[in-house]
Amino acid sequence: MKRERALVRPHVVTRGRARPTRNTFEMDTQIYAVREASPGAAGPEMRRVLRLCRDGAMSVAEVAGHLRLPMSVTKVLLGDLLDSGHIVTRSAQHDLQAPDLDLLQNVLDGLRASL
């Protein structure tokens, strides 16, 4: 039997706020948990974020997917966790150089050979 999740409206999770305190989150921003929440200090969604990011980085989009919450709600929660010192973030590094076409071709050839 599939376990049903309680229906909690997003504005309840964010205490009525629609925007994070900081506008530092892109979909690919990496989230790292650096502190556990003390009991009663954070809601269940915040504690879940900390568990998800405890063993390694997770992108904002991945966190939203795991929480099954809209991106906007997830960003508000992450902003609160960032403000309280429970998480740190790192922007994804985008390589400005063109990809190495020879390397990509070798990967493609290797994949084809394995099929």
N, C-alpha and C. Protein backbone atom coordinates (compact mmCIF):
# COMPACT_ATOMS: atom_id res chain seq x y z
N MET A 1 0.84 -1.18 0.00
CA MET A 1 0.00 0.00 0.00
C MET A 1 0.88 1.24 0.00
N LYS A 2 0.62 2.15 -0.90
CA LYS A 2 1.42 3.36 -1.01
C LYS A 2 1.16 4.29 0.17
N ARG A 3 2.23 4.75 0.75
CA ARG A 3 2.11 5.65 1.90
C ARG A 3 1.76 7.04 1.40
N GLU A 4 0.69 7.60 1.87
CA GLU A 4 0.25 8.93 1.46
C GLU A 4 0.95 9.99 2.29
N ARG A 5 1.37 11.02 1.64
CA ARG A 5 2.00 12.14 2.32
C ARG A 5 0.93 13.16 2.69
N ALA A 6 1.03 13.72 3.85
CA ALA A 6 0.05 14.71 4.29
C ALA A 6 0.10 15.92 3.37
N LEU A 7 -1.06 16.43 3.06
CA LEU A 7 -1.13 17.60 2.19
C LEU A 7 -0.90 18.85 3.02
N VAL A 8 0.23 19.48 2.79
CA VAL A 8 0.55 20.73 3.47
C VAL A 8 0.76 21.77 2.40
N ARG A 9 0.02 22.82 2.47
CA ARG A 9 0.12 23.88 1.47
C ARG A 9 1.48 24.56 1.58
N PRO A 10 2.07 24.92 0.42
CA PRO A 10 3.40 25.54 0.45
C PRO A 10 3.51 26.78 1.32
N HIS A 11 2.46 27.60 1.38
CA HIS A 11 2.56 28.82 2.20
C HIS A 11 2.65 28.50 3.70
N VAL A 12 2.20 27.31 4.09
CA VAL A 12 2.33 26.89 5.48
C VAL A 12 3.79 26.52 5.76
N VAL A 13 4.42 25.83 4.82
CA VAL A 13 5.82 25.42 4.97
C VAL A 13 6.73 26.64 5.10
N THR A 14 6.42 27.71 4.37
CA THR A 14 7.28 28.91 4.36
C THR A 14 6.76 30.00 5.30
N ARG A 15 5.74 29.69 6.08
CA ARG A 15 5.14 30.67 6.99
C ARG A 15 4.67 31.92 6.23
N GLY A 16 4.09 31.68 5.06
CA GLY A 16 3.49 32.76 4.28
C GLY A 16 4.43 33.55 3.40
N ARG A 17 5.72 33.23 3.43
CA ARG A 17 6.68 33.98 2.62
C ARG A 17 6.78 33.40 1.22
N ALA A 18 6.93 34.27 0.23
CA ALA A 18 7.01 33.82 -1.16
C ALA A 18 8.41 33.93 -1.72
N ARG A 19 9.30 34.62 -1.02
CA ARG A 19 10.66 34.81 -1.53
C ARG A 19 11.68 34.50 -0.44
N PRO A 20 12.83 33.96 -0.85
CA PRO A 20 13.89 33.71 0.14
C PRO A 20 14.50 35.03 0.62
N THR A 21 15.15 34.99 1.77
CA THR A 21 15.78 36.21 2.29
C THR A 21 16.96 36.64 1.43
N ARG A 22 17.52 35.69 0.67
CA ARG A 22 18.62 35.99 -0.23
C ARG A 22 18.27 35.43 -1.61
N ASN A 23 18.71 36.11 -2.62
CA ASN A 23 18.47 35.63 -3.98
C ASN A 23 19.74 34.99 -4.52
N THR A 24 20.20 33.93 -3.84
CA THR A 24 21.47 33.31 -4.20
C THR A 24 21.32 31.91 -4.78
N PHE A 25 20.12 31.49 -5.01
CA PHE A 25 19.90 30.11 -5.42
C PHE A 25 19.48 29.99 -6.88
N GLU A 26 20.30 29.30 -7.62
CA GLU A 26 19.95 28.90 -8.99
C GLU A 26 19.59 27.42 -8.92
N MET A 27 19.03 26.89 -9.98
CA MET A 27 18.65 25.47 -9.97
C MET A 27 19.84 24.55 -9.73
N ASP A 28 21.03 24.96 -10.22
CA ASP A 28 22.20 24.10 -10.10
C ASP A 28 23.13 24.50 -8.95
N THR A 29 22.70 25.43 -8.08
CA THR A 29 23.50 25.77 -6.90
C THR A 29 23.62 24.53 -6.02
N GLN A 30 24.83 24.24 -5.58
CA GLN A 30 25.10 23.06 -4.75
C GLN A 30 24.90 23.40 -3.28
N ILE A 31 24.20 22.54 -2.57
CA ILE A 31 23.88 22.73 -1.16
C ILE A 31 24.65 21.70 -0.34
N TYR A 32 25.32 22.17 0.71
CA TYR A 32 26.06 21.32 1.64
C TYR A 32 25.54 21.56 3.05
N ALA A 33 25.18 20.51 3.75
CA ALA A 33 24.78 20.63 5.16
C ALA A 33 26.04 20.67 6.00
N VAL A 34 26.11 21.65 6.90
CA VAL A 34 27.30 21.77 7.75
C VAL A 34 26.96 21.64 9.24
N ARG A 35 25.68 21.67 9.56
CA ARG A 35 25.24 21.54 10.96
C ARG A 35 23.91 20.83 11.01
N GLU A 36 23.71 20.05 12.05
CA GLU A 36 22.42 19.42 12.29
C GLU A 36 21.51 20.43 12.97
N ALA A 37 20.23 20.32 12.72
CA ALA A 37 19.26 21.18 13.40
C ALA A 37 18.99 20.62 14.79
N SER A 38 18.91 21.51 15.76
CA SER A 38 18.56 21.06 17.10
C SER A 38 17.08 20.69 17.12
N PRO A 39 16.71 19.73 17.94
CA PRO A 39 15.31 19.28 17.97
C PRO A 39 14.36 20.45 18.22
N GLY A 40 13.33 20.51 17.40
CA GLY A 40 12.33 21.56 17.54
C GLY A 40 12.70 22.89 16.90
N ALA A 41 13.94 23.01 16.43
CA ALA A 41 14.39 24.29 15.86
C ALA A 41 14.04 24.43 14.38
N ALA A 42 13.74 23.33 13.73
CA ALA A 42 13.45 23.37 12.30
C ALA A 42 12.27 22.46 12.00
N GLY A 43 11.53 22.82 10.97
CA GLY A 43 10.40 22.00 10.56
C GLY A 43 10.86 20.73 9.88
N PRO A 44 9.92 19.83 9.60
CA PRO A 44 10.29 18.55 9.01
C PRO A 44 10.96 18.69 7.64
N GLU A 45 10.53 19.66 6.85
CA GLU A 45 11.15 19.84 5.53
C GLU A 45 12.60 20.28 5.67
N MET A 46 12.87 21.16 6.60
CA MET A 46 14.25 21.63 6.82
C MET A 46 15.14 20.49 7.31
N ARG A 47 14.61 19.70 8.22
CA ARG A 47 15.40 18.56 8.72
C ARG A 47 15.67 17.58 7.59
N ARG A 48 14.72 17.42 6.70
CA ARG A 48 14.92 16.51 5.56
C ARG A 48 16.01 17.04 4.63
N VAL A 49 16.02 18.36 4.39
CA VAL A 49 17.08 18.96 3.56
C VAL A 49 18.43 18.66 4.17
N LEU A 50 18.55 18.82 5.47
CA LEU A 50 19.84 18.58 6.13
C LEU A 50 20.25 17.11 6.03
N ARG A 51 19.30 16.21 6.13
CA ARG A 51 19.63 14.78 5.96
C ARG A 51 20.06 14.49 4.53
N LEU A 52 19.35 15.08 3.56
CA LEU A 52 19.68 14.85 2.15
C LEU A 52 21.09 15.32 1.81
N CYS A 53 21.49 16.45 2.38
CA CYS A 53 22.76 17.08 2.02
C CYS A 53 23.88 16.77 3.01
N ARG A 54 23.65 15.88 3.93
CA ARG A 54 24.64 15.56 4.96
C ARG A 54 25.86 14.85 4.38
N ASP A 55 25.65 13.94 3.43
CA ASP A 55 26.75 13.13 2.92
C ASP A 55 27.38 13.66 1.65
N GLY A 56 26.93 14.80 1.16
CA GLY A 56 27.49 15.36 -0.05
C GLY A 56 26.56 16.42 -0.62
N ALA A 57 27.06 17.11 -1.60
CA ALA A 57 26.30 18.21 -2.19
C ALA A 57 25.11 17.70 -2.97
N MET A 58 24.08 18.53 -3.01
CA MET A 58 22.90 18.26 -3.81
C MET A 58 22.44 19.59 -4.38
N SER A 59 22.01 19.58 -5.63
CA SER A 59 21.57 20.83 -6.25
C SER A 59 20.20 21.24 -5.71
N VAL A 60 19.89 22.51 -5.88
CA VAL A 60 18.60 23.04 -5.46
C VAL A 60 17.47 22.27 -6.15
N ALA A 61 17.64 21.99 -7.44
CA ALA A 61 16.61 21.25 -8.19
C ALA A 61 16.42 19.85 -7.61
N GLU A 62 17.51 19.18 -7.23
CA GLU A 62 17.40 17.84 -6.64
C GLU A 62 16.69 17.89 -5.29
N VAL A 63 17.03 18.89 -4.49
CA VAL A 63 16.39 19.05 -3.19
C VAL A 63 14.89 19.24 -3.37
N ALA A 64 14.51 20.11 -4.29
CA ALA A 64 13.08 20.36 -4.55
C ALA A 64 12.38 19.07 -4.98
N GLY A 65 13.03 18.30 -5.82
CA GLY A 65 12.46 17.04 -6.27
C GLY A 65 12.26 16.04 -5.14
N HIS A 66 13.26 15.93 -4.27
CA HIS A 66 13.15 15.01 -3.15
C HIS A 66 12.07 15.45 -2.16
N LEU A 67 11.94 16.76 -1.98
CA LEU A 67 10.93 17.26 -1.05
C LEU A 67 9.54 17.28 -1.67
N ARG A 68 9.49 17.16 -3.00
CA ARG A 68 8.23 17.28 -3.74
C ARG A 68 7.55 18.60 -3.46
N LEU A 69 8.38 19.65 -3.49
CA LEU A 69 7.89 21.01 -3.28
C LEU A 69 8.27 21.87 -4.48
N PRO A 70 7.51 22.92 -4.74
CA PRO A 70 7.89 23.83 -5.82
C PRO A 70 9.26 24.45 -5.55
N MET A 71 9.92 24.84 -6.62
CA MET A 71 11.25 25.44 -6.50
C MET A 71 11.22 26.69 -5.61
N SER A 72 10.18 27.51 -5.76
CA SER A 72 10.10 28.75 -4.97
C SER A 72 10.03 28.45 -3.47
N VAL A 73 9.29 27.44 -3.08
CA VAL A 73 9.18 27.06 -1.68
C VAL A 73 10.51 26.51 -1.18
N THR A 74 11.14 25.70 -1.99
CA THR A 74 12.44 25.13 -1.62
C THR A 74 13.46 26.23 -1.40
N LYS A 75 13.45 27.25 -2.25
CA LYS A 75 14.41 28.35 -2.10
C LYS A 75 14.18 29.12 -0.80
N VAL A 76 12.93 29.28 -0.39
CA VAL A 76 12.65 29.95 0.89
C VAL A 76 13.23 29.13 2.04
N LEU A 77 13.00 27.82 2.01
CA LEU A 77 13.54 26.95 3.07
C LEU A 77 15.06 26.99 3.09
N LEU A 78 15.67 26.93 1.90
CA LEU A 78 17.13 26.97 1.83
C LEU A 78 17.67 28.31 2.32
N GLY A 79 16.97 29.39 2.03
CA GLY A 79 17.39 30.70 2.52
C GLY A 79 17.40 30.74 4.03
N ASP A 80 16.38 30.16 4.65
CA ASP A 80 16.33 30.10 6.12
C ASP A 80 17.49 29.27 6.67
N LEU A 81 17.77 28.14 6.03
CA LEU A 81 18.87 27.29 6.49
C LEU A 81 20.22 27.96 6.29
N LEU A 82 20.36 28.72 5.22
CA LEU A 82 21.60 29.45 4.97
C LEU A 82 21.77 30.54 6.02
N ASP A 83 20.70 31.28 6.30
CA ASP A 83 20.75 32.35 7.31
C ASP A 83 21.10 31.81 8.70
N SER A 84 20.63 30.61 9.01
CA SER A 84 20.87 30.05 10.34
C SER A 84 22.20 29.31 10.43
N GLY A 85 22.95 29.24 9.33
CA GLY A 85 24.26 28.60 9.35
C GLY A 85 24.22 27.08 9.24
N HIS A 86 23.10 26.51 8.85
CA HIS A 86 22.99 25.06 8.73
C HIS A 86 23.50 24.53 7.40
N ILE A 87 23.50 25.36 6.38
CA ILE A 87 24.00 24.95 5.07
C ILE A 87 24.95 26.00 4.53
N VAL A 88 25.78 25.59 3.58
CA VAL A 88 26.58 26.50 2.77
C VAL A 88 26.28 26.15 1.32
N THR A 89 26.56 27.09 0.45
CA THR A 89 26.26 26.88 -0.97
C THR A 89 27.51 27.10 -1.80
N ARG A 90 27.47 26.55 -2.97
CA ARG A 90 28.52 26.78 -3.95
C ARG A 90 27.86 26.84 -5.31
N SER A 91 28.13 27.90 -6.04
CA SER A 91 27.59 28.02 -7.38
C SER A 91 28.26 27.01 -8.28
N ALA A 92 27.47 26.44 -9.16
CA ALA A 92 28.03 25.49 -10.13
C ALA A 92 28.99 26.24 -11.04
N GLN A 93 30.11 25.64 -11.30
CA GLN A 93 31.10 26.26 -12.18
C GLN A 93 30.77 25.91 -13.62
N HIS A 94 30.57 26.92 -14.41
CA HIS A 94 30.28 26.69 -15.82
C HIS A 94 31.55 26.92 -16.62
N ASP A 95 31.94 25.91 -17.34
CA ASP A 95 33.14 25.97 -18.16
C ASP A 95 32.87 26.85 -19.37
N LEU A 96 33.63 27.91 -19.50
CA LEU A 96 33.43 28.84 -20.61
C LEU A 96 34.14 28.38 -21.87
N GLN A 97 34.96 27.35 -21.78
CA GLN A 97 35.66 26.84 -22.95
C GLN A 97 34.78 25.83 -23.67
N ALA A 98 34.99 25.75 -24.98
CA ALA A 98 34.26 24.76 -25.77
C ALA A 98 34.69 23.36 -25.33
N PRO A 99 33.77 22.39 -25.36
CA PRO A 99 34.14 21.03 -24.96
C PRO A 99 35.17 20.43 -25.91
N ASP A 100 35.95 19.51 -25.41
CA ASP A 100 36.94 18.81 -26.22
C ASP A 100 36.21 17.79 -27.09
N LEU A 101 36.09 18.08 -28.37
CA LEU A 101 35.33 17.23 -29.28
C LEU A 101 35.95 15.85 -29.43
N ASP A 102 37.27 15.75 -29.40
CA ASP A 102 37.92 14.45 -29.49
C ASP A 102 37.56 13.57 -28.29
N LEU A 103 37.56 14.17 -27.11
CA LEU A 103 37.20 13.42 -25.90
C LEU A 103 35.75 12.96 -25.99
N LEU A 104 34.85 13.84 -26.40
CA LEU A 104 33.45 13.47 -26.53
C LEU A 104 33.25 12.35 -27.55
N GLN A 105 33.99 12.41 -28.64
CA GLN A 105 33.88 11.37 -29.66
C GLN A 105 34.37 10.03 -29.12
N ASN A 106 35.47 10.05 -28.36
CA ASN A 106 35.99 8.83 -27.75
C ASN A 106 34.99 8.22 -26.76
N VAL A 107 34.33 9.07 -25.98
CA VAL A 107 33.31 8.58 -25.05
C VAL A 107 32.16 7.96 -25.82
N LEU A 108 31.70 8.64 -26.87
CA LEU A 108 30.61 8.12 -27.69
C LEU A 108 30.99 6.78 -28.33
N ASP A 109 32.20 6.70 -28.86
CA ASP A 109 32.66 5.45 -29.47
C ASP A 109 32.71 4.33 -28.44
N GLY A 110 33.18 4.64 -27.24
CA GLY A 110 33.25 3.64 -26.17
C GLY A 110 31.87 3.16 -25.77
N LEU A 111 30.91 4.07 -25.68
CA LEU A 111 29.55 3.68 -25.34
C LEU A 111 28.94 2.80 -26.41
N ARG A 112 29.16 3.17 -27.66
CA ARG A 112 28.63 2.36 -28.75
C ARG A 112 29.25 0.97 -28.76
N ALA A 113 30.53 0.88 -28.45
CA ALA A 113 31.22 -0.41 -28.46
C ALA A 113 30.70 -1.32 -27.34
N SER A 114 30.25 -0.71 -26.25
CA SER A 114 29.78 -1.52 -25.12
C SER A 114 28.35 -2.04 -25.31
N LEU A 115 27.67 -1.53 -26.31
CA LEU A 115 26.28 -1.97 -26.54
C LEU A 115 26.22 -3.17 -27.38
